[in-house]
Every structure is written in C-alpha cells, then in structure tokens.
Amino acid sequence: MIRFVLVLLITAAVIAGATLLAWQQQWLALPSFFYQTLILLAFSTALIYRYLYRVDKSEYFVQLYLLTMTVKLLAYGVYNVFVVLQDKAGATANVVFFMAVYAIFTVLEISFLYRRISRF
C-alpha cells in the first residue's frame, strides 16, 4: 500500500516536472487547471486504490472495481465539464492533460492491483 502511494507521488512529481519543463521550452501550453487536475487525479487514485486494496472479499473484486470506475468516470466527467466552462480558450490543453494523466495513473493503479489480486 505504501509502495503504491510512493510510486504515485513520484509519478505525479515526474509528470509535473516534465510538463513544466516542456512549458518552459515552449513545446506545449500549460493547462490553466494544471495543479488542480494533478492533485485531484493523484488523490482520487490513491483513495480508490486504498479502498480496493483493503477489500477482503475477492469474489466481489471485479464488481467493486467496475463500480469504482463508473463513479470515477462520472465524477471526472463533471470535473471536465466544469473546467471547460471555466476556461473555454484553454479547454483543449486542460482536457488533453487530464486524459494523459488519467491514463498514466490508471495503468499504475491496474498494475499494482493486478499484483495484489494475483496472490489470492
């Protein structure tokens, strides 16, 4: 559990550093909701992983994982609509950044959860 949180924080720091470096080099535009998106995704990924990690009922794991994915996608959809309505000019940069970070954190979450459930 602690290993996942450490890897998640290191990944978030690397993403932040790489994005800020790319912005300084003028390779891409910095999303206006850069920090908010990164914090939201890291925090929610850690919470969901913690919940799924502590589930003792392995026969319901798939259903619980699908439920968390559904809730997460609905909440993230609301967040993205809010971001787009707040900054229409920077909507593309914000949504692309969100999708990239979401994909990275989801791969990280799945790889750690797979290692966990393969031990059952």
Protein backbone atom coordinates (compact mmCIF):
# COMPACT_ATOMS: atom_id res chain seq x y z
CA MET A 1 0.00 0.00 0.00
CA ILE A 2 2.72 2.47 0.97
CA ARG A 3 4.76 1.45 -2.07
CA PHE A 4 1.84 2.38 -4.35
CA VAL A 5 1.42 5.80 -2.74
CA LEU A 6 5.16 6.47 -3.06
CA VAL A 7 5.20 5.43 -6.71
CA LEU A 8 2.07 7.51 -7.33
CA LEU A 9 3.65 10.60 -5.76
CA ILE A 10 6.90 10.10 -7.66
CA THR A 11 4.93 9.68 -10.89
CA ALA A 12 2.96 12.86 -10.16
CA ALA A 13 6.20 14.74 -9.48
CA VAL A 14 7.74 13.46 -12.71
CA ILE A 15 4.63 14.45 -14.67
CA ALA A 16 4.67 17.90 -13.07
CA GLY A 17 8.36 18.37 -13.76
CA ALA A 18 8.16 17.16 -17.35
CA THR A 19 5.12 19.32 -18.07
CA LEU A 20 6.71 22.43 -16.54
CA LEU A 21 9.93 21.76 -18.47
CA ALA A 22 8.01 21.35 -21.72
CA TRP A 23 6.15 24.58 -20.96
CA GLN A 24 9.42 26.45 -20.31
CA GLN A 25 10.81 25.19 -23.59
CA GLN A 26 7.54 26.34 -25.22
CA TRP A 27 6.77 22.85 -26.52
CA LEU A 28 3.26 22.99 -25.12
CA ALA A 29 0.85 25.31 -23.36
CA LEU A 30 0.49 24.90 -19.62
CA PRO A 31 -3.10 23.93 -18.76
CA SER A 32 -4.83 26.50 -16.59
CA PHE A 33 -6.04 23.74 -14.24
CA PHE A 34 -2.63 22.04 -14.16
CA TYR A 35 -2.15 21.73 -10.39
CA GLN A 36 -5.82 21.12 -9.64
CA THR A 37 -6.03 18.28 -12.14
CA LEU A 38 -2.82 16.67 -10.96
CA ILE A 39 -3.85 16.83 -7.30
CA LEU A 40 -7.40 15.59 -8.00
CA LEU A 41 -6.21 12.61 -10.01
CA ALA A 42 -3.44 11.64 -7.60
CA PHE A 43 -5.68 11.96 -4.54
CA SER A 44 -8.65 10.10 -6.02
CA THR A 45 -6.42 7.34 -7.43
CA ALA A 46 -4.83 6.85 -4.01
CA LEU A 47 -8.23 6.74 -2.29
CA ILE A 48 -9.69 4.24 -4.72
CA TYR A 49 -6.59 2.07 -4.58
CA ARG A 50 -6.70 2.12 -0.77
CA TYR A 51 -10.35 1.06 -0.81
CA LEU A 52 -9.79 -1.74 -3.31
CA TYR A 53 -6.61 -2.89 -1.59
CA ARG A 54 -8.43 -3.39 1.70
CA VAL A 55 -11.36 -5.32 0.24
CA ASP A 56 -11.28 -8.80 1.71
CA LYS A 57 -13.96 -10.30 -0.49
CA SER A 58 -12.04 -11.34 -3.56
CA GLU A 59 -15.15 -12.84 -5.22
CA TYR A 60 -16.63 -9.33 -5.47
CA PHE A 61 -13.44 -7.58 -6.52
CA VAL A 62 -14.34 -7.24 -10.20
CA GLN A 63 -17.76 -5.80 -9.41
CA LEU A 64 -16.28 -3.36 -6.89
CA TYR A 65 -13.60 -2.30 -9.34
CA LEU A 66 -16.16 -1.70 -12.08
CA LEU A 67 -18.30 0.29 -9.64
CA THR A 68 -15.36 2.49 -8.66
CA MET A 69 -14.51 3.02 -12.33
CA THR A 70 -18.09 4.09 -13.07
CA VAL A 71 -18.22 6.51 -10.15
CA LYS A 72 -14.77 7.83 -11.03
CA LEU A 73 -15.66 8.41 -14.68
CA LEU A 74 -18.88 10.22 -13.75
CA ALA A 75 -17.08 12.45 -11.25
CA TYR A 76 -14.25 13.13 -13.70
CA GLY A 77 -16.79 13.97 -16.40
CA VAL A 78 -18.38 16.57 -14.12
CA TYR A 79 -14.92 17.97 -13.32
CA ASN A 80 -14.04 18.24 -17.01
CA VAL A 81 -17.31 19.99 -17.83
CA PHE A 82 -16.56 22.47 -15.03
CA VAL A 83 -13.03 23.04 -16.36
CA VAL A 84 -14.27 23.57 -19.92
CA LEU A 85 -16.94 26.02 -18.79
CA GLN A 86 -14.43 27.97 -16.67
CA ASP A 87 -11.74 28.21 -19.37
CA LYS A 88 -13.14 27.75 -22.85
CA ALA A 89 -9.98 29.04 -24.52
CA GLY A 90 -7.76 26.53 -22.72
CA ALA A 91 -10.23 23.65 -22.78
CA THR A 92 -8.18 21.54 -25.18
CA ALA A 93 -4.97 21.79 -23.16
CA ASN A 94 -6.81 21.04 -19.92
CA VAL A 95 -8.71 18.02 -21.24
CA VAL A 96 -5.70 16.54 -23.06
CA PHE A 97 -3.58 16.92 -19.92
CA PHE A 98 -6.36 15.35 -17.85
CA MET A 99 -6.68 12.38 -20.21
CA ALA A 100 -2.92 11.78 -20.33
CA VAL A 101 -2.50 11.87 -16.54
CA TYR A 102 -5.65 9.77 -16.05
CA ALA A 103 -4.27 7.11 -18.40
CA ILE A 104 -0.89 7.04 -16.63
CA PHE A 105 -2.43 6.80 -13.16
CA THR A 106 -4.93 4.14 -14.30
CA VAL A 107 -2.15 1.97 -15.72
CA LEU A 108 -0.26 2.38 -12.46
CA GLU A 109 -3.32 1.51 -10.40
CA ILE A 110 -4.16 -1.56 -12.51
CA SER A 111 -0.61 -2.88 -12.39
CA PHE A 112 -0.48 -2.65 -8.59
CA LEU A 113 -3.97 -4.10 -8.18
CA TYR A 114 -3.15 -6.95 -10.54
CA ARG A 115 -0.14 -7.87 -8.43
CA ARG A 116 -2.39 -7.79 -5.36
CA ILE A 117 -5.24 -9.93 -6.72
CA SER A 118 -2.95 -12.43 -8.44
CA ARG A 119 -1.86 -13.52 -4.93
CA PHE A 120 -5.39 -14.65 -3.96
